N, C-alpha and C. Protein backbone atom coordinates (compact mmCIF):
# COMPACT_ATOMS: atom_id res chain seq x y z
N MET A 1 1.03 -1.43 -0.45
CA MET A 1 0.49 0.07 -0.16
C MET A 1 0.73 1.34 0.40
N SER A 2 1.98 1.33 0.72
CA SER A 2 2.94 2.21 1.03
C SER A 2 3.66 2.88 -0.66
N ASP A 3 3.55 1.59 -1.20
CA ASP A 3 4.28 1.66 -2.61
C ASP A 3 3.71 2.06 -3.71
N SER A 4 2.14 2.26 -3.78
CA SER A 4 1.25 2.47 -4.65
C SER A 4 0.86 3.59 -3.78
N ARG A 5 1.12 4.52 -2.79
CA ARG A 5 1.01 5.62 -2.32
C ARG A 5 1.72 6.43 -3.11
N ALA A 6 2.83 6.73 -2.65
CA ALA A 6 4.41 6.54 -2.58
C ALA A 6 4.01 7.03 -4.79
N SER A 7 3.89 5.99 -5.02
CA SER A 7 3.68 6.03 -6.51
C SER A 7 3.21 7.35 -7.59
N PHE A 8 1.35 7.13 -6.43
CA PHE A 8 0.06 8.06 -6.58
C PHE A 8 0.82 9.73 -6.45
N GLU A 9 1.26 9.87 -5.60
CA GLU A 9 2.16 10.99 -5.40
C GLU A 9 3.28 11.49 -5.85
N LYS A 10 3.75 10.43 -6.17
CA LYS A 10 5.14 11.34 -7.14
C LYS A 10 4.20 11.47 -8.89
N SER A 11 3.25 10.52 -9.14
CA SER A 11 2.74 10.84 -10.20
C SER A 11 1.85 12.23 -10.50
N ILE A 12 1.39 12.77 -9.07
CA ILE A 12 0.68 13.97 -9.28
C ILE A 12 1.26 15.24 -8.50
N LYS A 13 2.71 14.80 -8.70
CA LYS A 13 3.68 16.30 -8.06
C LYS A 13 2.41 17.83 -9.31
N MET A 14 3.43 18.15 -9.22
CA MET A 14 3.03 19.45 -9.64
C MET A 14 4.95 19.72 -10.74
N TYR A 15 5.56 20.92 -11.73
CA TYR A 15 6.12 21.38 -12.41
C TYR A 15 7.33 22.32 -12.01
N PRO A 16 8.07 22.92 -11.33
CA PRO A 16 8.69 23.76 -10.77
C PRO A 16 8.06 25.34 -11.42
N VAL A 17 7.87 25.89 -10.94
CA VAL A 17 7.21 26.84 -11.64
C VAL A 17 8.71 27.63 -12.37
N ASN A 18 9.61 27.68 -11.60
CA ASN A 18 10.68 28.10 -12.15
C ASN A 18 11.01 28.14 -13.79
N SER A 19 11.21 26.09 -13.83
CA SER A 19 11.41 25.89 -15.26
C SER A 19 10.11 25.81 -16.57
N ILE A 20 9.58 26.21 -15.62
CA ILE A 20 8.31 26.17 -16.89
C ILE A 20 8.62 27.20 -18.06
N ARG A 21 8.70 28.35 -17.90
CA ARG A 21 9.56 29.78 -18.79
C ARG A 21 10.74 28.46 -19.79
N SER A 22 11.07 28.57 -19.69
CA SER A 22 12.54 27.73 -20.44
C SER A 22 11.74 26.24 -21.06
N ASN A 23 10.81 25.26 -20.27
CA ASN A 23 10.55 24.34 -20.93
C ASN A 23 9.24 24.65 -22.36
N VAL A 24 8.13 25.85 -22.04
CA VAL A 24 7.58 26.40 -22.92
C VAL A 24 8.53 26.94 -24.21
N ILE A 25 9.94 27.93 -23.82
CA ILE A 25 9.74 28.13 -25.53
C ILE A 25 10.94 26.99 -25.62
N ILE A 26 11.85 26.28 -25.36
CA ILE A 26 12.06 25.09 -25.60
C ILE A 26 11.28 24.20 -26.25
N LEU A 27 9.86 23.84 -26.69
CA LEU A 27 9.58 22.55 -27.02
C LEU A 27 8.48 23.47 -27.86
N VAL A 28 8.33 24.91 -27.60
CA VAL A 28 7.61 25.36 -28.74
C VAL A 28 8.15 25.73 -29.51
N LEU A 29 8.70 26.91 -29.63
CA LEU A 29 10.25 27.10 -30.47
C LEU A 29 10.53 26.07 -31.32
N LEU A 30 11.13 25.61 -30.77
CA LEU A 30 12.42 24.38 -31.28
C LEU A 30 11.64 23.02 -31.65
N LEU A 31 11.25 22.62 -31.39
CA LEU A 31 9.94 21.08 -31.52
C LEU A 31 8.96 21.62 -31.96
N LEU A 32 8.13 22.59 -31.57
CA LEU A 32 7.30 22.70 -32.84
C LEU A 32 7.05 23.35 -34.46
N ASP A 33 7.59 25.19 -33.52
CA ASP A 33 8.07 26.10 -34.60
C ASP A 33 9.12 25.25 -35.54
N LEU A 34 10.14 25.11 -35.26
CA LEU A 34 11.26 24.83 -36.08
C LEU A 34 11.26 23.95 -36.46
N PHE A 35 10.70 22.63 -36.58
CA PHE A 35 10.66 21.47 -36.89
C PHE A 35 9.35 21.06 -37.28
N MET A 36 8.36 21.85 -37.79
CA MET A 36 7.26 21.39 -37.74
C MET A 36 6.52 22.31 -39.01
N VAL A 37 6.59 23.79 -38.15
CA VAL A 37 5.83 25.20 -39.26
C VAL A 37 7.11 24.33 -40.53
N ILE A 38 8.36 24.72 -40.28
CA ILE A 38 9.30 24.87 -41.66
C ILE A 38 9.16 24.30 -42.53
N PRO A 39 9.27 22.31 -42.28
CA PRO A 39 8.66 21.84 -43.72
C PRO A 39 7.49 21.56 -43.72
N LEU A 40 6.96 22.49 -42.75
CA LEU A 40 5.19 22.55 -43.22
C LEU A 40 5.18 23.53 -44.54
N VAL A 41 5.95 24.47 -44.20
CA VAL A 41 5.71 25.51 -45.00
C VAL A 41 6.52 25.95 -46.26
N GLY A 42 7.43 24.74 -46.03
CA GLY A 42 8.23 24.83 -47.24
C GLY A 42 8.04 23.46 -48.17
N ASN A 43 9.30 23.57 -49.32
CA ASN A 43 8.75 22.55 -50.45
C ASN A 43 8.73 21.27 -50.22
N PRO A 44 7.87 19.95 -51.01
CA PRO A 44 6.78 21.01 -52.00
C PRO A 44 5.82 21.35 -50.91
N TYR A 45 5.48 22.29 -51.10
CA TYR A 45 4.01 23.08 -50.49
C TYR A 45 3.02 22.50 -51.11
N ILE A 46 2.08 22.11 -49.96
CA ILE A 46 0.77 21.39 -50.28
C ILE A 46 -0.36 21.49 -49.15
N ALA A 47 -1.03 22.15 -49.58
CA ALA A 47 -2.57 23.31 -49.30
C ALA A 47 -2.65 22.27 -47.95
N VAL A 48 -3.54 21.34 -48.02
CA VAL A 48 -4.62 20.49 -47.23
C VAL A 48 -3.83 20.41 -45.50
N TYR A 49 -1.69 20.46 -45.80
CA TYR A 49 -1.69 19.61 -44.54
C TYR A 49 -1.98 20.57 -43.98
N VAL A 50 -1.44 22.04 -45.04
CA VAL A 50 -1.23 23.60 -43.91
C VAL A 50 -2.77 23.88 -43.55
N TYR A 51 -3.68 23.22 -43.84
CA TYR A 51 -4.45 23.62 -43.59
C TYR A 51 -5.24 22.94 -42.24
N VAL A 52 -4.76 21.98 -41.99
CA VAL A 52 -5.05 20.71 -40.89
C VAL A 52 -4.41 20.76 -40.02
N LEU A 53 -2.70 21.54 -39.89
CA LEU A 53 -2.14 21.82 -38.81
C LEU A 53 -1.53 23.13 -38.05
N LEU A 54 -1.57 24.18 -39.08
CA LEU A 54 -1.31 25.61 -38.69
C LEU A 54 -2.65 25.73 -37.49
N PRO A 55 -3.60 25.54 -37.60
CA PRO A 55 -4.21 26.65 -36.36
C PRO A 55 -4.47 25.49 -35.36
N PRO A 56 -4.44 24.22 -34.92
CA PRO A 56 -3.46 23.97 -33.52
C PRO A 56 -2.35 24.82 -33.29
N ILE A 57 -1.06 24.92 -34.33
CA ILE A 57 0.13 24.91 -33.76
C ILE A 57 -0.17 26.59 -33.46
N VAL A 58 -1.05 27.85 -34.48
CA VAL A 58 -1.23 29.12 -33.79
C VAL A 58 -1.55 28.96 -32.01
N LEU A 59 -2.66 28.33 -31.69
CA LEU A 59 -2.84 28.30 -30.83
C LEU A 59 -2.40 27.87 -29.63
N ILE A 60 -1.09 26.61 -29.68
CA ILE A 60 -0.34 26.42 -29.01
C ILE A 60 0.34 27.32 -28.79
N ASN A 61 1.36 28.07 -29.67
CA ASN A 61 1.85 29.41 -29.46
C ASN A 61 1.27 30.46 -28.87
N ILE A 62 -0.34 30.83 -29.09
CA ILE A 62 -0.17 32.19 -27.99
C ILE A 62 -0.89 30.89 -26.71
N TRP A 63 -1.26 29.49 -26.17
CA TRP A 63 -0.96 29.50 -25.00
C TRP A 63 0.21 29.43 -24.58
N ALA A 64 1.20 29.46 -25.40
CA ALA A 64 2.72 29.54 -24.93
C ALA A 64 2.92 30.38 -23.95
N LEU A 65 2.34 31.56 -24.81
CA LEU A 65 2.65 33.00 -24.09
C LEU A 65 2.19 33.39 -23.67
N VAL A 66 1.34 32.89 -23.34
CA VAL A 66 -0.06 32.95 -21.74
C VAL A 66 0.68 32.91 -20.60
N LEU A 67 1.20 31.06 -20.56
CA LEU A 67 2.36 30.60 -19.85
C LEU A 67 3.80 31.64 -20.18
N ILE A 68 4.19 31.61 -20.38
CA ILE A 68 5.65 32.29 -20.35
C ILE A 68 5.54 34.09 -19.67
N ILE A 69 4.45 34.63 -19.82
CA ILE A 69 4.19 35.45 -18.87
C ILE A 69 3.62 35.54 -17.57
N MET A 70 2.62 34.68 -17.56
CA MET A 70 2.67 34.49 -15.92
C MET A 70 2.34 32.91 -15.52
N PRO A 71 3.72 32.20 -16.05
CA PRO A 71 3.51 31.04 -15.11
C PRO A 71 3.20 30.33 -13.25
N ARG A 72 3.22 31.53 -13.21
CA ARG A 72 3.28 30.97 -11.51
C ARG A 72 1.20 30.68 -10.88
N LYS A 73 0.69 31.51 -11.99
CA LYS A 73 -0.88 31.62 -11.82
C LYS A 73 -1.38 30.44 -12.77
N LEU A 74 -0.58 29.78 -13.56
CA LEU A 74 -0.96 28.87 -14.84
C LEU A 74 0.15 27.31 -14.58
N GLN A 75 0.58 27.29 -13.02
CA GLN A 75 1.19 26.47 -12.82
C GLN A 75 0.30 24.97 -13.14
N LEU A 76 -0.52 24.99 -12.84
CA LEU A 76 -1.14 23.60 -12.72
C LEU A 76 -1.45 23.37 -14.79
N ASN A 77 -2.11 24.35 -15.36
CA ASN A 77 -2.25 24.75 -16.67
C ASN A 77 -0.98 24.07 -16.88
N TYR A 78 0.02 24.72 -17.22
CA TYR A 78 1.18 23.95 -17.15
C TYR A 78 0.65 22.26 -18.00
N ILE A 79 0.56 21.67 -16.88
CA ILE A 79 0.81 20.38 -16.78
C ILE A 79 -0.73 19.43 -18.04
N LEU A 80 -1.58 21.13 -18.11
CA LEU A 80 -2.71 20.34 -19.31
C LEU A 80 -1.47 20.84 -20.43
N PHE A 81 -1.23 21.93 -20.41
CA PHE A 81 -0.43 22.17 -22.09
C PHE A 81 0.60 21.30 -22.56
N ARG A 82 0.76 20.87 -21.51
CA ARG A 82 2.01 19.88 -21.78
C ARG A 82 0.91 18.05 -22.66
N GLY A 83 0.19 17.74 -22.21
CA GLY A 83 -0.14 16.86 -22.55
C GLY A 83 -1.50 17.10 -24.19
N VAL A 84 -1.24 18.04 -23.44
CA VAL A 84 -2.16 18.96 -25.34
C VAL A 84 -1.47 19.23 -25.86
N PHE A 85 0.19 19.75 -25.83
CA PHE A 85 1.24 19.88 -26.56
C PHE A 85 1.89 18.52 -27.19
N GLY A 86 2.10 17.44 -26.14
CA GLY A 86 1.98 16.85 -27.06
C GLY A 86 1.34 15.53 -27.78
N LEU A 87 -0.03 15.71 -27.59
CA LEU A 87 -0.96 14.92 -28.25
C LEU A 87 -0.79 15.90 -30.08
N VAL A 88 -1.08 16.85 -29.89
CA VAL A 88 -0.99 17.65 -30.87
C VAL A 88 0.54 17.69 -31.88
N CYS A 89 1.53 17.31 -31.31
CA CYS A 89 3.02 17.39 -31.86
C CYS A 89 3.09 16.44 -32.43
N SER A 90 2.34 15.23 -31.62
CA SER A 90 2.79 14.05 -31.74
C SER A 90 1.68 13.61 -33.31
N ILE A 91 0.98 13.26 -33.29
CA ILE A 91 0.31 13.93 -35.01
C ILE A 91 0.16 14.15 -35.55
N GLY A 92 0.92 15.84 -35.10
CA GLY A 92 0.92 16.80 -36.48
C GLY A 92 2.89 16.10 -36.61
N PHE A 93 3.63 14.99 -36.01
CA PHE A 93 5.07 15.16 -36.85
C PHE A 93 4.20 13.56 -37.64
N MET A 94 3.34 12.66 -37.22
CA MET A 94 2.85 11.71 -38.08
C MET A 94 2.19 11.97 -39.42
N ILE A 95 1.73 13.20 -39.45
CA ILE A 95 1.24 13.26 -40.62
C ILE A 95 2.37 14.10 -40.95
N MET A 96 2.78 14.55 -40.87
CA MET A 96 4.58 15.02 -41.52
C MET A 96 5.23 14.23 -42.77
N THR A 97 5.01 13.26 -41.69
CA THR A 97 5.28 11.88 -42.82
C THR A 97 4.68 11.30 -43.40
N GLN A 98 3.37 12.43 -43.63
CA GLN A 98 2.44 11.84 -45.06
C GLN A 98 3.24 12.56 -45.94
N LYS A 99 3.75 13.55 -45.59
CA LYS A 99 3.81 14.57 -46.42
C LYS A 99 5.04 14.35 -46.96
N PHE A 100 6.07 14.01 -46.10
CA PHE A 100 7.31 13.47 -46.76
C PHE A 100 7.17 12.68 -47.91
N ALA A 101 6.38 11.51 -47.32
CA ALA A 101 5.98 9.98 -48.10
C ALA A 101 5.14 10.63 -49.49
N TYR A 102 4.58 11.66 -49.55
CA TYR A 102 3.33 11.44 -50.77
C TYR A 102 3.97 12.46 -51.22
N GLY A 103 4.51 13.47 -50.99
CA GLY A 103 4.68 14.18 -51.42
C GLY A 103 6.41 14.32 -52.11
N MET A 104 7.36 14.18 -51.33
CA MET A 104 8.35 13.70 -51.48
C MET A 104 9.35 12.56 -52.34
N LEU A 105 8.67 11.50 -52.22
CA LEU A 105 8.47 10.09 -52.39
C LEU A 105 7.86 10.00 -53.53
N GLY A 106 6.94 10.73 -53.34
CA GLY A 106 5.72 11.07 -54.39
C GLY A 106 5.22 9.26 -54.93
N LEU A 107 4.36 8.80 -53.02
CA LEU A 107 4.29 7.22 -53.21
C LEU A 107 2.56 7.98 -53.50
N ASP A 108 2.17 6.41 -53.80
CA ASP A 108 0.66 6.74 -55.02
C ASP A 108 -0.44 5.59 -54.80
N THR A 109 0.04 4.98 -53.28
CA THR A 109 -0.45 4.40 -52.50
C THR A 109 -1.07 4.71 -51.32
N SER A 110 -2.18 3.70 -50.37
CA SER A 110 -2.79 4.80 -49.62
C SER A 110 -2.62 3.66 -48.30
N TRP A 111 -1.74 2.51 -48.75
CA TRP A 111 -0.92 1.31 -47.88
C TRP A 111 0.06 1.94 -46.60
N TYR A 112 0.49 3.22 -47.65
CA TYR A 112 1.49 3.40 -45.73
C TYR A 112 0.84 4.06 -45.13
N PHE A 113 -0.44 5.62 -45.18
CA PHE A 113 -0.77 6.18 -44.33
C PHE A 113 -2.23 5.46 -43.74
N ILE A 114 -2.36 4.20 -44.09
CA ILE A 114 -3.02 3.01 -43.51
C ILE A 114 -2.14 2.01 -41.85
N GLY A 115 -1.28 2.09 -43.13
CA GLY A 115 0.17 1.08 -41.78
C GLY A 115 0.76 2.22 -40.85
N SER A 116 0.87 2.77 -41.28
CA SER A 116 1.48 4.11 -40.43
C SER A 116 0.81 4.10 -39.69
N PHE A 117 -0.84 4.50 -39.59
CA PHE A 117 -1.26 5.18 -38.56
C PHE A 117 -1.66 3.92 -37.85
N ALA A 118 -1.82 2.87 -38.44
CA ALA A 118 -2.61 2.12 -37.89
C ALA A 118 -1.57 1.44 -36.54
N LEU A 119 -0.61 0.96 -36.70
CA LEU A 119 0.98 1.53 -35.55
C LEU A 119 0.76 1.97 -34.90
N TYR A 120 0.83 3.17 -35.23
CA TYR A 120 0.92 4.86 -34.36
C TYR A 120 -0.21 4.03 -33.60
N GLY A 121 -1.61 4.00 -33.78
CA GLY A 121 -2.44 3.45 -32.83
C GLY A 121 -2.15 2.75 -31.64
N VAL A 122 -2.08 1.34 -32.23
CA VAL A 122 -1.15 0.38 -31.91
C VAL A 122 -0.16 0.67 -30.58
N ALA A 123 0.81 1.23 -30.76
CA ALA A 123 1.64 2.33 -29.80
C ALA A 123 1.45 3.07 -29.00
N LEU A 124 0.83 3.74 -28.88
CA LEU A 124 0.46 4.62 -28.31
C LEU A 124 -0.44 3.89 -27.19
N TYR A 125 -1.94 3.12 -28.10
CA TYR A 125 -2.65 2.38 -27.30
C TYR A 125 -1.68 1.74 -25.99
N TYR A 126 -1.35 1.22 -26.10
CA TYR A 126 -0.51 -0.12 -25.13
C TYR A 126 0.86 0.85 -24.37
N PHE A 127 0.84 1.64 -24.76
CA PHE A 127 1.93 2.63 -23.65
C PHE A 127 0.97 3.40 -22.66
N ILE A 128 -0.04 3.91 -23.00
CA ILE A 128 -1.04 4.09 -21.98
C ILE A 128 -1.13 3.00 -21.10
N LYS A 129 -1.64 2.21 -21.97
CA LYS A 129 -2.14 1.33 -21.06
C LYS A 129 -1.11 0.60 -19.67
N TYR A 130 -0.08 0.37 -20.38
CA TYR A 130 0.90 0.31 -19.48
C TYR A 130 1.36 1.06 -18.07
N ASN A 131 1.55 1.85 -19.13
CA ASN A 131 1.43 3.14 -17.85
C ASN A 131 0.34 3.45 -16.76
N LEU A 132 -0.85 3.32 -17.55
CA LEU A 132 -1.98 3.65 -16.13
C LEU A 132 -1.93 2.28 -15.74
N ALA A 133 -1.31 1.11 -16.11
CA ALA A 133 -1.05 0.20 -15.31
C ALA A 133 -0.33 0.05 -14.08
N LYS A 134 0.65 0.70 -14.59
CA LYS A 134 1.49 1.03 -13.52
C LYS A 134 1.09 2.08 -12.73
N PHE A 135 -0.11 3.00 -13.02
CA PHE A 135 -0.23 3.80 -12.07
C PHE A 135 -0.91 3.18 -10.99
N LYS A 136 -2.02 2.45 -11.31
CA LYS A 136 -2.87 1.35 -10.62
C LYS A 136 -1.91 0.37 -9.45
N ASP A 137 -0.73 -0.38 -10.53
CA ASP A 137 -0.24 -0.98 -9.04
C ASP A 137 1.03 -1.59 -9.59
N PRO A 138 2.00 -0.27 -8.31
CA PRO A 138 3.21 0.11 -8.88
C PRO A 138 4.19 -1.40 -8.82
N LEU A 139 3.49 -2.27 -7.60
CA LEU A 139 4.46 -3.15 -7.54
C LEU A 139 4.64 -3.99 -8.23
N ASN A 140 3.98 -4.24 -9.43
CA ASN A 140 4.14 -5.80 -10.09
C ASN A 140 4.86 -4.97 -11.80
N HIS A 141 5.00 -3.61 -11.34
CA HIS A 141 6.12 -2.90 -12.36
C HIS A 141 7.16 -2.38 -11.52
N ARG A 142 7.53 -2.09 -10.45
CA ARG A 142 8.80 -1.91 -9.48
C ARG A 142 9.75 -1.88 -11.03
N LYS A 143 10.52 -1.38 -11.32
CA LYS A 143 12.20 -1.88 -11.81
C LYS A 143 13.08 -1.99 -10.37
N LYS A 144 13.78 -2.65 -11.20
CA LYS A 144 15.15 -2.99 -10.08
C LYS A 144 15.76 -2.00 -9.65
N PRO A 145 16.22 -1.91 -8.21
CA PRO A 145 17.27 -0.30 -7.98
C PRO A 145 18.11 0.23 -8.95
N THR A 146 19.58 -0.80 -8.87
CA THR A 146 20.21 -0.25 -10.07
C THR A 146 19.68 0.20 -11.32
N ILE A 147 19.16 -0.22 -11.48
CA ILE A 147 17.86 0.32 -12.77
C ILE A 147 17.71 1.32 -12.51
N LYS A 148 16.68 1.63 -11.27
CA LYS A 148 15.82 2.77 -11.61
C LYS A 148 16.89 4.04 -10.85
N LYS A 149 18.43 3.92 -11.01
CA LYS A 149 18.55 5.48 -10.65
C LYS A 149 19.22 5.44 -11.52
N LYS A 150 19.49 5.16 -12.67
CA LYS A 150 20.24 4.90 -14.14
C LYS A 150 18.90 5.52 -14.79
N LYS A 151 18.13 5.46 -14.60
CA LYS A 151 17.00 5.97 -15.92
C LYS A 151 16.23 6.65 -15.24
N LYS A 152 15.94 8.11 -15.88
CA LYS A 152 15.09 8.50 -15.12
C LYS A 152 13.84 9.40 -16.36
N ARG A 153 12.75 10.23 -15.81
CA ARG A 153 12.08 10.48 -16.60
C ARG A 153 12.91 11.67 -18.40
N ALA A 154 13.34 11.63 -19.04
CA ALA A 154 14.08 12.02 -20.71
C ALA A 154 13.16 13.63 -20.28
N PRO A 155 14.15 14.25 -20.09
CA PRO A 155 14.33 16.00 -19.73
C PRO A 155 13.83 16.65 -21.44
N VAL A 156 13.30 17.47 -20.57
CA VAL A 156 12.94 18.30 -22.55
C VAL A 156 13.71 18.64 -23.00
N VAL A 157 15.28 18.85 -22.65
CA VAL A 157 16.22 19.60 -23.03
C VAL A 157 17.17 18.59 -23.90
N THR A 158 16.65 17.15 -23.20
CA THR A 158 17.95 15.95 -23.84
C THR A 158 16.60 15.75 -25.38
N ILE A 159 15.28 15.80 -24.92
CA ILE A 159 14.16 15.35 -26.01
C ILE A 159 14.80 16.88 -27.25
N ALA A 160 14.84 17.95 -26.54
CA ALA A 160 15.11 18.31 -28.21
C ALA A 160 16.52 18.65 -28.48
N THR A 161 17.41 18.15 -28.02
CA THR A 161 19.09 18.27 -28.79
C THR A 161 19.10 16.46 -29.56
N PHE A 162 17.89 15.58 -28.90
CA PHE A 162 17.67 14.38 -29.91
C PHE A 162 17.49 14.93 -31.18
N THR A 163 16.16 15.76 -30.99
CA THR A 163 15.02 16.25 -32.28
C THR A 163 16.49 17.44 -32.98
N GLY A 164 16.57 17.75 -32.58
CA GLY A 164 18.04 18.81 -33.21
C GLY A 164 18.62 17.86 -33.72
N ALA A 165 19.44 16.70 -33.14
CA ALA A 165 20.26 15.96 -34.20
C ALA A 165 19.94 14.98 -35.34
N GLY A 166 19.10 14.31 -35.30
CA GLY A 166 18.11 14.54 -36.04
C GLY A 166 18.12 15.10 -37.28
N TYR A 167 17.38 16.12 -37.24
CA TYR A 167 17.44 17.30 -37.98
C TYR A 167 18.45 17.71 -39.05
N LEU A 168 19.50 17.83 -38.08
CA LEU A 168 20.76 18.57 -38.17
C LEU A 168 21.31 16.72 -39.69
N ILE A 169 21.49 16.14 -39.02
CA ILE A 169 21.56 14.78 -39.59
C ILE A 169 20.56 15.10 -41.22
N ALA A 170 19.10 15.03 -41.08
CA ALA A 170 18.15 14.63 -42.58
C ALA A 170 18.59 16.37 -43.07
N ASN A 171 19.31 17.85 -42.66
CA ASN A 171 19.80 18.60 -43.88
C ASN A 171 21.45 18.49 -44.49
N LEU A 172 22.24 17.47 -43.40
CA LEU A 172 23.26 17.60 -44.03
C LEU A 172 23.59 16.91 -45.27
N SER A 173 22.00 15.60 -45.30
CA SER A 173 22.22 14.93 -45.70
C SER A 173 22.21 15.15 -47.70
N LEU A 174 21.35 16.16 -47.77
CA LEU A 174 20.89 16.99 -48.55
C LEU A 174 21.95 17.66 -49.69
N GLY A 175 23.31 17.61 -49.62
CA GLY A 175 24.51 17.95 -50.27
C GLY A 175 24.67 16.79 -50.54
N PHE A 176 25.00 15.67 -50.25
CA PHE A 176 25.02 14.02 -51.29
C PHE A 176 24.01 13.37 -51.34
N ALA A 177 22.70 13.67 -51.01
CA ALA A 177 21.49 12.71 -51.47
C ALA A 177 20.95 12.97 -51.50
N THR A 178 19.79 12.13 -52.23
CA THR A 178 18.94 12.44 -53.62
C THR A 178 17.89 12.84 -51.81
N GLN A 179 16.83 13.24 -53.19
CA GLN A 179 15.06 13.56 -52.35
C GLN A 179 14.50 12.68 -51.60
N GLN A 180 14.55 11.67 -51.92
CA GLN A 180 14.09 10.14 -51.94
C GLN A 180 14.59 9.31 -50.36
N LEU A 181 16.47 9.69 -50.17
CA LEU A 181 17.04 9.38 -49.43
C LEU A 181 16.19 10.55 -48.19
N VAL A 182 16.65 11.78 -48.34
CA VAL A 182 16.23 12.57 -47.89
C VAL A 182 14.82 12.58 -47.42
N ALA A 183 14.24 12.01 -47.85
CA ALA A 183 12.49 12.10 -47.14
C ALA A 183 12.56 10.90 -46.68
N SER A 184 13.52 9.52 -47.46
CA SER A 184 13.56 8.70 -46.10
C SER A 184 13.74 8.90 -44.49
N VAL A 185 14.84 9.50 -44.98
CA VAL A 185 15.63 9.66 -43.04
C VAL A 185 14.39 10.52 -42.52
N LEU A 186 14.00 11.35 -43.33
CA LEU A 186 13.46 12.78 -42.80
C LEU A 186 11.60 11.46 -41.36
N ILE A 187 10.82 11.18 -42.31
CA ILE A 187 10.23 10.14 -42.25
C ILE A 187 10.96 9.20 -41.20
N CYS A 188 11.85 8.63 -41.12
CA CYS A 188 12.24 7.66 -39.70
C CYS A 188 12.67 8.90 -38.45
N VAL A 189 13.25 10.05 -39.45
CA VAL A 189 12.79 11.03 -37.92
C VAL A 189 12.00 11.54 -37.13
N TYR A 190 11.03 11.82 -37.87
CA TYR A 190 10.10 11.80 -37.53
C TYR A 190 8.92 11.42 -36.46
N SER A 191 8.82 10.06 -37.20
CA SER A 191 7.90 9.02 -37.08
C SER A 191 8.77 8.76 -35.50
N MET A 192 9.85 8.75 -35.50
CA MET A 192 10.25 8.15 -34.23
C MET A 192 10.37 9.83 -32.88
N LEU A 193 10.13 10.57 -32.63
CA LEU A 193 9.57 12.14 -33.37
C LEU A 193 8.13 11.36 -31.70
N ALA A 194 6.86 11.24 -33.16
CA ALA A 194 5.82 11.15 -32.39
C ALA A 194 6.31 10.38 -31.74
N PHE A 195 6.55 9.37 -31.41
CA PHE A 195 6.39 8.33 -30.16
C PHE A 195 7.39 8.19 -29.31
N VAL A 196 8.37 9.61 -28.65
CA VAL A 196 8.71 9.92 -28.02
C VAL A 196 8.03 10.89 -26.90
N LEU A 197 6.80 11.20 -28.32
CA LEU A 197 6.60 12.35 -27.42
C LEU A 197 5.02 11.88 -26.08
N PHE A 198 4.94 10.27 -26.28
CA PHE A 198 4.03 10.13 -26.02
C PHE A 198 4.01 10.29 -24.57
N HIS A 199 5.71 10.42 -23.95
CA HIS A 199 5.39 10.25 -22.62
C HIS A 199 4.90 11.42 -22.09
N PHE A 200 4.69 12.88 -23.37
CA PHE A 200 4.45 13.62 -22.68
C PHE A 200 2.25 13.60 -22.70
N ILE A 201 2.25 12.77 -23.72
CA ILE A 201 0.59 12.94 -23.40
C ILE A 201 0.16 12.75 -22.35
N MET A 202 0.95 11.61 -21.42
CA MET A 202 0.16 10.79 -20.54
C MET A 202 0.37 11.91 -19.25
N ASP A 203 0.71 13.23 -19.98
CA ASP A 203 0.69 14.49 -18.51
C ASP A 203 -1.16 15.03 -18.84
N LEU A 204 -1.56 14.17 -19.62
CA LEU A 204 -3.59 14.50 -19.31
C LEU A 204 -4.17 13.91 -18.93
N HIS A 205 -3.16 12.36 -17.96
CA HIS A 205 -3.64 11.83 -17.17
C HIS A 205 -3.39 12.30 -15.17
N ARG A 206 -2.39 13.10 -15.76
CA ARG A 206 -1.90 13.98 -14.26
C ARG A 206 -2.75 15.11 -14.19
N TYR A 207 -2.98 15.46 -15.18
CA TYR A 207 -3.77 17.41 -14.64
C TYR A 207 -5.17 16.38 -14.46
N TYR A 208 -5.61 15.40 -15.26
CA TYR A 208 -6.91 14.66 -14.24
C TYR A 208 -7.31 14.74 -13.17
N TRP A 209 -5.74 14.20 -12.88
CA TRP A 209 -5.94 13.42 -10.73
C TRP A 209 -5.56 14.97 -9.99
N LEU A 210 -5.16 15.80 -10.87
CA LEU A 210 -4.48 17.13 -10.34
C LEU A 210 -5.86 17.76 -10.04
N HIS A 211 -6.42 17.81 -11.37
CA HIS A 211 -8.05 18.69 -11.01
C HIS A 211 -8.97 18.65 -10.03
N LYS A 212 -8.76 17.06 -10.53
CA LYS A 212 -9.49 16.56 -9.65
C LYS A 212 -9.43 16.73 -7.92
N LEU A 213 -8.44 16.68 -7.38
CA LEU A 213 -7.99 16.65 -6.19
C LEU A 213 -8.30 18.00 -5.78
N ARG A 214 -7.39 18.95 -6.92
CA ARG A 214 -7.79 20.48 -6.20
C ARG A 214 -9.60 20.35 -5.74
N ASN A 215 -10.36 19.99 -6.85
CA ASN A 215 -11.91 20.31 -6.96
C ASN A 215 -12.24 19.60 -5.72
N GLN A 216 -11.74 18.27 -5.20
CA GLN A 216 -12.02 18.21 -3.76
C GLN A 216 -11.52 18.85 -2.47
N THR A 217 -10.80 19.15 -3.12
CA THR A 217 -9.87 19.95 -1.31
C THR A 217 -10.84 21.40 -1.69
N THR A 218 -10.94 21.90 -2.31
CA THR A 218 -11.79 23.65 -2.09
C THR A 218 -13.33 22.89 -2.03
N ASN A 219 -13.83 22.16 -1.98
CA ASN A 219 -15.10 21.41 -1.85
C ASN A 219 -15.48 20.58 -0.35
């Protein structure tokens, strides 16, 4: 019972106020604006992708600006922001892989679209299922002490650095690779990022519990 209680308390902790501004700037300017907006409006320009992705991107940027202005008042809201950001960005990266596949590689079959999103849906389902099970029954998902000390939650800076490295490699390949190879590299990088961002989506669950506990306290 004590392990379950400790796991629950750890999972509903709020993020420190002094890190909200820097994390929001890194998430939005690097992961969202740089790695989604630039290829979104770049060649080949395909209007349907812009119409689908640009509105949520603009809304996330406005939300981020409000968080940067008053992080202390929106400390709980920041958790919801991370969850929504993860969902929008993860799906957005998967949509971008469609642009690379159909706009740059010139695929003319719907099987890539069906297969990629089917794999994405299955992976997201099992990721959420595993994390919810770990949340409800931490004893059956307890890691060994030696591993637990080494494995920590991936910080925003690490994810951003990983993203930048992959994108840099893809851009450097422009000098000596064909468009088909560049598109293939970008598909791999953006697919990987879509799965990495599952970590952020789980903050929707954290926000639910924190919001619920806060309402119970006030009532």
